[in-house]
Each structure stands twice: as structure tokens, then as C-alpha cells.
């Protein structure tokens, strides 16, 4: 089991009330709900930073070259693009 570090958290009354309701509906404690919410937020921030770092190192000229040299065969069955909403409304 992971060690815990007690921390006094001051929430707006409306946020605490809503979080308590959701935690109860999910069958968990407010403490567990907050822990999961913080973990999810940290994961989202790490993921965003990862993709920003990857994009910063991208070679756009190589990407353009790759697209320019792509074959001209039609997509394989199941790989077709679905029409967008704008294309469907014509």
C-alpha cells in the first residue's frame, strides 16, 4: 500500500458537496475521489507535455515529403474516411 501524506484541503462548499455526492454514487470516499481526480489531472498534464515535446521535435519537411510520396491507391476496405457532417448535408 502506498504511503499517505495528510494534507488539509480547503474546498469551496459547493465543490465539496458535489464531490461528496459523486463519490457516494460511485461507492467510494471523498478522500479516494479526490486522490483519483488529482491523479487523472496529473496524467492529463503529463500526456499533454509529452505530445508537446514530441511535436516540438518534429521534422515538418520530412513529414511533407512523406505525404507527397504516399501512394495513390484507394484505401483498403474498412480504412475509408467517413463523410463529415458538412458532406452529409448536401
PDB file of N, CA and C in Angstrom:
ATOM      1  N   UNK A   1       0.839  -1.183   0.000  1.00  0.00           N
ATOM      2  CA  UNK A   1       0.000   0.000   0.000  1.00  0.00           C
ATOM      3  C   UNK A   1       0.880   1.242   0.000  1.00  0.00           C
ATOM      4  N   UNK A   2       0.495   2.226  -0.783  1.00  0.00           N
ATOM      5  CA  UNK A   2       1.259   3.465  -0.868  1.00  0.00           C
ATOM      6  C   UNK A   2       1.139   4.236   0.441  1.00  0.00           C
ATOM      7  N   UNK A   3       2.208   4.932   0.766  1.00  0.00           N
ATOM      8  CA  UNK A   3       2.153   5.753   1.974  1.00  0.00           C
ATOM      9  C   UNK A   3       1.368   7.019   1.676  1.00  0.00           C
ATOM     10  N   UNK A   4       0.743   7.552   2.689  1.00  0.00           N
ATOM     11  CA  UNK A   4      -0.029   8.781   2.518  1.00  0.00           C
ATOM     12  C   UNK A   4       0.626   9.906   3.281  1.00  0.00           C
ATOM     13  N   UNK A   5       0.354  11.106   2.842  1.00  0.00           N
ATOM     14  CA  UNK A   5       0.866  12.294   3.494  1.00  0.00           C
ATOM     15  C   UNK A   5      -0.332  13.195   3.768  1.00  0.00           C
ATOM     16  N   UNK A   6      -0.810  13.238   5.009  1.00  0.00           N
ATOM     17  CA  UNK A   6      -2.000  14.034   5.306  1.00  0.00           C
ATOM     18  C   UNK A   6      -1.832  15.480   4.849  1.00  0.00           C
ATOM     19  N   UNK A   7      -2.914  16.014   4.268  1.00  0.00           N
ATOM     20  CA  UNK A   7      -2.901  17.381   3.764  1.00  0.00           C
ATOM     21  C   UNK A   7      -4.282  17.972   3.992  1.00  0.00           C
ATOM     22  N   UNK A   8      -4.320  19.138   4.609  1.00  0.00           N
ATOM     23  CA  UNK A   8      -5.595  19.808   4.849  1.00  0.00           C
ATOM     24  C   UNK A   8      -5.989  20.542   3.575  1.00  0.00           C
ATOM     25  N   UNK A   9      -7.120  20.161   3.013  1.00  0.00           N
ATOM     26  CA  UNK A   9      -7.580  20.742   1.758  1.00  0.00           C
ATOM     27  C   UNK A   9      -8.813  21.596   2.011  1.00  0.00           C
ATOM     28  N   UNK A  10      -8.787  22.826   1.544  1.00  0.00           N
ATOM     29  CA  UNK A  10      -9.922  23.729   1.706  1.00  0.00           C
ATOM     30  C   UNK A  10     -10.642  23.835   0.366  1.00  0.00           C
ATOM     31  N   UNK A  11     -11.844  23.252   0.303  1.00  0.00           N
ATOM     32  CA  UNK A  11     -12.661  23.284  -0.907  1.00  0.00           C
ATOM     33  C   UNK A  11     -13.810  24.265  -0.725  1.00  0.00           C
ATOM     34  N   UNK A  12     -14.243  24.854  -1.825  1.00  0.00           N
ATOM     35  CA  UNK A  12     -15.480  25.626  -1.775  1.00  0.00           C
ATOM     36  C   UNK A  12     -16.591  24.674  -1.355  1.00  0.00           C
ATOM     37  N   UNK A  13     -17.535  25.179  -0.585  1.00  0.00           N
ATOM     38  CA  UNK A  13     -18.616  24.330  -0.079  1.00  0.00           C
ATOM     39  C   UNK A  13     -19.368  23.649  -1.220  1.00  0.00           C
ATOM     40  N   UNK A  14     -19.581  24.373  -2.306  1.00  0.00           N
ATOM     41  CA  UNK A  14     -20.322  23.794  -3.433  1.00  0.00           C
ATOM     42  C   UNK A  14     -19.533  22.658  -4.088  1.00  0.00           C
ATOM     43  N   UNK A  15     -18.209  22.815  -4.199  1.00  0.00           N
ATOM     44  CA  UNK A  15     -17.381  21.749  -4.779  1.00  0.00           C
ATOM     45  C   UNK A  15     -17.355  20.525  -3.879  1.00  0.00           C
ATOM     46  N   UNK A  16     -17.224  20.766  -2.580  1.00  0.00           N
ATOM     47  CA  UNK A  16     -17.184  19.648  -1.635  1.00  0.00           C
ATOM     48  C   UNK A  16     -18.498  18.878  -1.671  1.00  0.00           C
ATOM     49  N   UNK A  17     -19.595  19.601  -1.680  1.00  0.00           N
ATOM     50  CA  UNK A  17     -20.907  18.950  -1.703  1.00  0.00           C
ATOM     51  C   UNK A  17     -21.078  18.109  -2.966  1.00  0.00           C
ATOM     52  N   UNK A  18     -20.725  18.677  -4.102  1.00  0.00           N
ATOM     53  CA  UNK A  18     -20.847  17.947  -5.374  1.00  0.00           C
ATOM     54  C   UNK A  18     -19.930  16.729  -5.388  1.00  0.00           C
ATOM     55  N   UNK A  19     -18.693  16.899  -4.928  1.00  0.00           N
ATOM     56  CA  UNK A  19     -17.740  15.789  -4.905  1.00  0.00           C
ATOM     57  C   UNK A  19     -18.220  14.679  -3.973  1.00  0.00           C
ATOM     58  N   UNK A  20     -18.798  15.047  -2.837  1.00  0.00           N
ATOM     59  CA  UNK A  20     -19.330  14.040  -1.909  1.00  0.00           C
ATOM     60  C   UNK A  20     -20.454  13.240  -2.561  1.00  0.00           C
ATOM     61  N   UNK A  21     -21.324  13.926  -3.299  1.00  0.00           N
ATOM     62  CA  UNK A  21     -22.432  13.237  -3.968  1.00  0.00           C
ATOM     63  C   UNK A  21     -21.915  12.257  -5.016  1.00  0.00           C
ATOM     64  N   UNK A  22     -20.951  12.702  -5.809  1.00  0.00           N
ATOM     65  CA  UNK A  22     -20.399  11.833  -6.855  1.00  0.00           C
ATOM     66  C   UNK A  22     -19.665  10.654  -6.228  1.00  0.00           C
ATOM     67  N   UNK A  23     -18.878  10.922  -5.192  1.00  0.00           N
ATOM     68  CA  UNK A  23     -18.147   9.843  -4.524  1.00  0.00           C
ATOM     69  C   UNK A  23     -19.118   8.811  -3.962  1.00  0.00           C
ATOM     70  N   UNK A  24     -20.178   9.271  -3.329  1.00  0.00           N
ATOM     71  CA  UNK A  24     -21.170   8.347  -2.769  1.00  0.00           C
ATOM     72  C   UNK A  24     -21.829   7.534  -3.874  1.00  0.00           C
ATOM     73  N   UNK A  25     -22.149   8.186  -4.990  1.00  0.00           N
ATOM     74  CA  UNK A  25     -22.777   7.479  -6.111  1.00  0.00           C
ATOM     75  C   UNK A  25     -21.843   6.424  -6.694  1.00  0.00           C
ATOM     76  N   UNK A  26     -20.537   6.678  -6.614  1.00  0.00           N
ATOM     77  CA  UNK A  26     -19.551   5.721  -7.123  1.00  0.00           C
ATOM     78  C   UNK A  26     -19.133   4.703  -6.067  1.00  0.00           C
ATOM     79  N   UNK A  27     -19.679   4.836  -4.871  1.00  0.00           N
ATOM     80  CA  UNK A  27     -19.373   3.880  -3.810  1.00  0.00           C
ATOM     81  C   UNK A  27     -17.971   4.026  -3.248  1.00  0.00           C
ATOM     82  N   UNK A  28     -17.486   5.254  -3.194  1.00  0.00           N
ATOM     83  CA  UNK A  28     -16.144   5.489  -2.671  1.00  0.00           C
ATOM     84  C   UNK A  28     -16.185   6.649  -1.682  1.00  0.00           C
ATOM     85  N   UNK A  29     -15.071   6.912  -1.060  1.00  0.00           N
ATOM     86  CA  UNK A  29     -14.992   8.013  -0.104  1.00  0.00           C
ATOM     87  C   UNK A  29     -14.601   9.298  -0.822  1.00  0.00           C
ATOM     88  N   UNK A  30     -14.854  10.413  -0.170  1.00  0.00           N
ATOM     89  CA  UNK A  30     -14.444  11.701  -0.721  1.00  0.00           C
ATOM     90  C   UNK A  30     -12.928  11.735  -0.879  1.00  0.00           C
ATOM     91  N   UNK A  31     -12.216  11.195   0.091  1.00  0.00           N
ATOM     92  CA  UNK A  31     -10.754  11.167   0.033  1.00  0.00           C
ATOM     93  C   UNK A  31     -10.270  10.402  -1.200  1.00  0.00           C
ATOM     94  N   UNK A  32     -10.844   9.241  -1.442  1.00  0.00           N
ATOM     95  CA  UNK A  32     -10.448   8.443  -2.605  1.00  0.00           C
ATOM     96  C   UNK A  32     -10.815   9.160  -3.899  1.00  0.00           C
ATOM     97  N   UNK A  33     -11.995   9.784  -3.923  1.00  0.00           N
ATOM     98  CA  UNK A  33     -12.427  10.519  -5.109  1.00  0.00           C
ATOM     99  C   UNK A  33     -11.434  11.633  -5.439  1.00  0.00           C
ATOM    100  N   UNK A  34     -11.024  12.390  -4.432  1.00  0.00           N
ATOM    101  CA  UNK A  34     -10.074  13.489  -4.649  1.00  0.00           C
ATOM    102  C   UNK A  34      -8.727  12.941  -5.101  1.00  0.00           C
ATOM    103  N   UNK A  35      -8.266  11.843  -4.508  1.00  0.00           N
ATOM    104  CA  UNK A  35      -6.998  11.238  -4.929  1.00  0.00           C
ATOM    105  C   UNK A  35      -7.034  10.842  -6.401  1.00  0.00           C
ATOM    106  N   UNK A  36      -8.130  10.223  -6.822  1.00  0.00           N
ATOM    107  CA  UNK A  36      -8.261   9.800  -8.218  1.00  0.00           C
ATOM    108  C   UNK A  36      -8.326  11.019  -9.135  1.00  0.00           C
ATOM    109  N   UNK A  37      -9.060  12.049  -8.718  1.00  0.00           N
ATOM    110  CA  UNK A  37      -9.177  13.259  -9.535  1.00  0.00           C
ATOM    111  C   UNK A  37      -7.813  13.922  -9.728  1.00  0.00           C
ATOM    112  N   UNK A  38      -7.027  13.997  -8.676  1.00  0.00           N
ATOM    113  CA  UNK A  38      -5.688  14.590  -8.781  1.00  0.00           C
ATOM    114  C   UNK A  38      -4.801  13.726  -9.675  1.00  0.00           C
ATOM    115  N   UNK A  39      -4.870  12.417  -9.519  1.00  0.00           N
ATOM    116  CA  UNK A  39      -4.068  11.515 -10.360  1.00  0.00           C
ATOM    117  C   UNK A  39      -4.447  11.660 -11.831  1.00  0.00           C
ATOM    118  N   UNK A  40      -5.748  11.765 -12.120  1.00  0.00           N
ATOM    119  CA  UNK A  40      -6.201  11.938 -13.506  1.00  0.00           C
ATOM    120  C   UNK A  40      -5.703  13.254 -14.086  1.00  0.00           C
ATOM    121  N   UNK A  41      -5.757  14.321 -13.311  1.00  0.00           N
ATOM    122  CA  UNK A  41      -5.295  15.630 -13.784  1.00  0.00           C
ATOM    123  C   UNK A  41      -3.798  15.592 -14.062  1.00  0.00           C
ATOM    124  N   UNK A  42      -3.027  14.998 -13.171  1.00  0.00           N
ATOM    125  CA  UNK A  42      -1.580  14.897 -13.378  1.00  0.00           C
ATOM    126  C   UNK A  42      -1.262  14.076 -14.621  1.00  0.00           C
ATOM    127  N   UNK A  43      -1.993  12.993 -14.837  1.00  0.00           N
ATOM    128  CA  UNK A  43      -1.778  12.165 -16.027  1.00  0.00           C
ATOM    129  C   UNK A  43      -2.094  12.953 -17.293  1.00  0.00           C
ATOM    130  N   UNK A  44      -3.159  13.739 -17.272  1.00  0.00           N
ATOM    131  CA  UNK A  44      -3.523  14.552 -18.440  1.00  0.00           C
ATOM    132  C   UNK A  44      -2.450  15.595 -18.729  1.00  0.00           C
ATOM    133  N   UNK A  45      -1.922  16.224 -17.690  1.00  0.00           N
ATOM    134  CA  UNK A  45      -0.862  17.216 -17.883  1.00  0.00           C
ATOM    135  C   UNK A  45       0.409  16.576 -18.428  1.00  0.00           C
ATOM    136  N   UNK A  46       0.771  15.403 -17.899  1.00  0.00           N
ATOM    137  CA  UNK A  46       1.971  14.700 -18.402  1.00  0.00           C
ATOM    138  C   UNK A  46       1.788  14.301 -19.855  1.00  0.00           C
ATOM    139  N   UNK A  47       0.600  13.826 -20.198  1.00  0.00           N
ATOM    140  CA  UNK A  47       0.326  13.412 -21.575  1.00  0.00           C
ATOM    141  C   UNK A  47       0.415  14.604 -22.518  1.00  0.00           C
ATOM    142  N   UNK A  48      -0.172  15.715 -22.123  1.00  0.00           N
ATOM    143  CA  UNK A  48      -0.126  16.925 -22.943  1.00  0.00           C
ATOM    144  C   UNK A  48       1.314  17.382 -23.151  1.00  0.00           C
ATOM    145  N   UNK A  49       2.096  17.375 -22.087  1.00  0.00           N
ATOM    146  CA  UNK A  49       3.503  17.784 -22.178  1.00  0.00           C
ATOM    147  C   UNK A  49       4.281  16.834 -23.081  1.00  0.00           C
ATOM    148  N   UNK A  50       4.007  15.546 -23.000  1.00  0.00           N
ATOM    149  CA  UNK A  50       4.679  14.555 -23.841  1.00  0.00           C
ATOM    150  C   UNK A  50       4.440  14.866 -25.317  1.00  0.00           C
ATOM    151  N   UNK A  51       3.175  15.102 -25.686  1.00  0.00           N
ATOM    152  CA  UNK A  51       2.876  15.370 -27.091  1.00  0.00           C
ATOM    153  C   UNK A  51       3.412  16.724 -27.537  1.00  0.00           C
ATOM    154  N   UNK A  52       3.438  17.712 -26.648  1.00  0.00           N
ATOM    155  CA  UNK A  52       4.041  19.000 -26.995  1.00  0.00           C
ATOM    156  C   UNK A  52       5.535  18.831 -27.262  1.00  0.00           C
ATOM    157  N   UNK A  53       6.204  18.051 -26.428  1.00  0.00           N
ATOM    158  CA  UNK A  53       7.636  17.797 -26.620  1.00  0.00           C
ATOM    159  C   UNK A  53       7.884  17.050 -27.921  1.00  0.00           C
ATOM    160  N   UNK A  54       7.048  16.064 -28.217  1.00  0.00           N
ATOM    161  CA  UNK A  54       7.193  15.307 -29.469  1.00  0.00           C
ATOM    162  C   UNK A  54       6.975  16.213 -30.675  1.00  0.00           C
ATOM    163  N   UNK A  55       5.965  17.067 -30.605  1.00  0.00           N
ATOM    164  CA  UNK A  55       5.665  17.965 -31.726  1.00  0.00           C
ATOM    165  C   UNK A  55       6.787  18.977 -31.931  1.00  0.00           C
ATOM    166  N   UNK A  56       7.403  19.423 -30.841  1.00  0.00           N
ATOM    167  CA  UNK A  56       8.485  20.405 -30.945  1.00  0.00           C
ATOM    168  C   UNK A  56       9.676  19.834 -31.706  1.00  0.00           C
ATOM    169  N   UNK A  57       9.873  18.528 -31.633  1.00  0.00           N
ATOM    170  CA  UNK A  57      10.996  17.899 -32.319  1.00  0.00           C
ATOM    171  C   UNK A  57      10.644  17.369 -33.695  1.00  0.00           C
ATOM    172  N   UNK A  58       9.451  17.678 -34.174  1.00  0.00           N
ATOM    173  CA  UNK A  58       9.004  17.139 -35.459  1.00  0.00           C
ATOM    174  C   UNK A  58       9.753  17.784 -36.621  1.00  0.00           C
ATOM    175  N   UNK A  59      10.009  16.990 -37.636  1.00  0.00           N
ATOM    176  CA  UNK A  59      10.627  17.474 -38.871  1.00  0.00           C
ATOM    177  C   UNK A  59       9.505  17.627 -39.892  1.00  0.00           C
ATOM    178  N   UNK A  60       8.984  18.845 -40.020  1.00  0.00           N
ATOM    179  CA  UNK A  60       7.832  19.074 -40.886  1.00  0.00           C
ATOM    180  C   UNK A  60       8.167  18.883 -42.360  1.00  0.00           C
ATOM    181  N   UNK A  61       9.399  19.166 -42.749  1.00  0.00           N
ATOM    182  CA  UNK A  61       9.791  18.928 -44.147  1.00  0.00           C
ATOM    183  C   UNK A  61       9.747  17.439 -44.461  1.00  0.00           C
ATOM    184  N   UNK A  62      10.243  16.619 -43.548  1.00  0.00           N
ATOM    185  CA  UNK A  62      10.207  15.168 -43.755  1.00  0.00           C
ATOM    186  C   UNK A  62       8.760  14.675 -43.788  1.00  0.00           C
ATOM    187  N   UNK A  63       7.917  15.253 -42.960  1.00  0.00           N
ATOM    188  CA  UNK A  63       6.503  14.884 -42.945  1.00  0.00           C
ATOM    189  C   UNK A  63       5.843  15.233 -44.275  1.00  0.00           C
ATOM    190  N   UNK A  64       6.100  16.452 -44.764  1.00  0.00           N
ATOM    191  CA  UNK A  64       5.543  16.863 -46.061  1.00  0.00           C
ATOM    192  C   UNK A  64       6.034  15.950 -47.175  1.00  0.00           C
ATOM    193  N   UNK A  65       7.316  15.572 -47.124  1.00  0.00           N
ATOM    194  CA  UNK A  65       7.873  14.673 -48.137  1.00  0.00           C
ATOM    195  C   UNK A  65       7.177  13.308 -48.073  1.00  0.00           C
ATOM    196  N   UNK A  66       6.974  12.809 -46.886  1.00  0.00           N
ATOM    197  CA  UNK A  66       6.296  11.526 -46.715  1.00  0.00           C
ATOM    198  C   UNK A  66       4.893  11.569 -47.320  1.00  0.00           C
ATOM    199  N   UNK A  67       4.165  12.633 -47.044  1.00  0.00           N
ATOM    200  CA  UNK A  67       2.815  12.751 -47.592  1.00  0.00           C
ATOM    201  C   UNK A  67       2.835  12.883 -49.113  1.00  0.00           C
ATOM    202  N   UNK A  68       3.828  13.593 -49.634  1.00  0.00           N
ATOM    203  CA  UNK A  68       3.913  13.792 -51.083  1.00  0.00           C
ATOM    204  C   UNK A  68       4.242  12.498 -51.810  1.00  0.00           C
ATOM    205  N   UNK A  69       4.924  11.583 -51.134  1.00  0.00           N
ATOM    206  CA  UNK A  69       5.325  10.335 -51.783  1.00  0.00           C
ATOM    207  C   UNK A  69       4.379   9.182 -51.463  1.00  0.00           C
ATOM    208  N   UNK A  70       3.302   9.487 -50.750  1.00  0.00           N
ATOM    209  CA  UNK A  70       2.344   8.431 -50.410  1.00  0.00           C
ATOM    210  C   UNK A  70       1.702   7.904 -51.686  1.00  0.00           C
ATOM    211  N   UNK A  71       1.371   6.647 -51.679  1.00  0.00           N
ATOM    212  CA  UNK A  71       0.786   6.009 -52.857  1.00  0.00           C
ATOM    213  C   UNK A  71      -0.549   6.611 -53.250  1.00  0.00           C
ATOM    214  N   UNK A  72      -0.991   6.264 -54.440  1.00  0.00           N
ATOM    215  CA  UNK A  72      -2.265   6.798 -54.915  1.00  0.00           C
ATOM    216  C   UNK A  72      -3.342   5.721 -54.991  1.00  0.00           C
ATOM    217  N   UNK A  73      -3.119   4.625 -54.284  1.00  0.00           N
ATOM    218  CA  UNK A  73      -4.116   3.555 -54.250  1.00  0.00           C
ATOM    219  C   UNK A  73      -5.275   3.973 -53.344  1.00  0.00           C
ATOM    220  N   UNK A  74      -6.477   3.510 -53.657  1.00  0.00           N
ATOM    221  CA  UNK A  74      -7.599   3.830 -52.762  1.00  0.00           C
ATOM    222  C   UNK A  74      -7.415   3.119 -51.415  1.00  0.00           C
ATOM    223  N   UNK A  75      -8.060   3.623 -50.372  1.00  0.00           N
ATOM    224  CA  UNK A  75      -7.939   2.986 -49.054  1.00  0.00           C
ATOM    225  C   UNK A  75      -8.446   1.547 -49.090  1.00  0.00           C
ATOM    226  N   UNK A  76      -7.852   0.723 -48.240  1.00  0.00           N
ATOM    227  CA  UNK A  76      -8.321  -0.658 -48.113  1.00  0.00           C
ATOM    228  C   UNK A  76      -9.704  -0.661 -47.471  1.00  0.00           C
ATOM    229  N   UNK A  77     -10.429  -1.731 -47.703  1.00  0.00           N
ATOM    230  CA  UNK A  77     -11.768  -1.871 -47.149  1.00  0.00           C
ATOM    231  C   UNK A  77     -11.720  -1.698 -45.624  1.00  0.00           C
ATOM    232  N   UNK A  78     -12.523  -0.796 -45.116  1.00  0.00           N
ATOM    233  CA  UNK A  78     -12.555  -0.523 -43.680  1.00  0.00           C
ATOM    234  C   UNK A  78     -11.695   0.661 -43.281  1.00  0.00           C
ATOM    235  N   UNK A  79     -10.811   1.130 -44.182  1.00  0.00           N
ATOM    236  CA  UNK A  79      -9.946   2.270 -43.885  1.00  0.00           C
ATOM    237  C   UNK A  79     -10.463   3.572 -44.492  1.00  0.00           C
ATOM    238  N   UNK A  80     -11.628   3.525 -45.123  1.00  0.00           N
ATOM    239  CA  UNK A  80     -12.162   4.720 -45.756  1.00  0.00           C
ATOM    240  C   UNK A  80     -12.522   5.760 -44.692  1.00  0.00           C
ATOM    241  N   UNK A  81     -12.456   7.016 -45.099  1.00  0.00           N
ATOM    242  CA  UNK A  81     -12.875   8.094 -44.199  1.00  0.00           C
ATOM    243  C   UNK A  81     -14.388   8.213 -44.265  1.00  0.00           C
ATOM    244  N   UNK A  82     -15.005   8.382 -43.123  1.00  0.00           N
ATOM    245  CA  UNK A  82     -16.444   8.592 -43.076  1.00  0.00           C
ATOM    246  C   UNK A  82     -16.735  10.030 -43.489  1.00  0.00           C
ATOM    247  N   UNK A  83     -17.854  10.261 -44.154  1.00  0.00           N
ATOM    248  CA  UNK A  83     -18.183  11.640 -44.540  1.00  0.00           C
ATOM    249  C   UNK A  83     -18.409  12.497 -43.304  1.00  0.00           C
ATOM    250  N   UNK A  84     -18.033  13.760 -43.401  1.00  0.00           N
ATOM    251  CA  UNK A  84     -18.257  14.687 -42.292  1.00  0.00           C
ATOM    252  C   UNK A  84     -19.693  15.173 -42.334  1.00  0.00           C
ATOM    253  N   UNK A  85     -20.116  15.884 -41.296  1.00  0.00           N
ATOM    254  CA  UNK A  85     -21.482  16.414 -41.241  1.00  0.00           C
ATOM    255  C   UNK A  85     -21.761  17.314 -42.428  1.00  0.00           C
ATOM    256  N   UNK A  86     -20.782  18.141 -42.794  1.00  0.00           N
ATOM    257  CA  UNK A  86     -20.969  19.069 -43.912  1.00  0.00           C
ATOM    258  C   UNK A  86     -21.179  18.312 -45.215  1.00  0.00           C
ATOM    259  N   UNK A  87     -20.472  17.220 -45.396  1.00  0.00           N
ATOM    260  CA  UNK A  87     -20.601  16.434 -46.619  1.00  0.00           C
ATOM    261  C   UNK A  87     -21.940  15.699 -46.668  1.00  0.00           C
ATOM    262  N   UNK A  88     -22.483  15.361 -45.505  1.00  0.00           N
ATOM    263  CA  UNK A  88     -23.751  14.622 -45.448  1.00  0.00           C
ATOM    264  C   UNK A  88     -24.949  15.522 -45.719  1.00  0.00           C
ATOM    265  N   UNK A  89     -24.826  16.819 -45.465  1.00  0.00           N
ATOM    266  CA  UNK A  89     -25.983  17.706 -45.571  1.00  0.00           C
ATOM    267  C   UNK A  89     -26.229  18.214 -46.981  1.00  0.00           C
ATOM    268  N   UNK A  90     -25.406  17.850 -47.932  1.00  0.00           N
ATOM    269  CA  UNK A  90     -25.596  18.313 -49.319  1.00  0.00           C
ATOM    270  C   UNK A  90     -26.815  17.710 -49.946  1.00  0.00           C
TER     271      UNK A  90
END
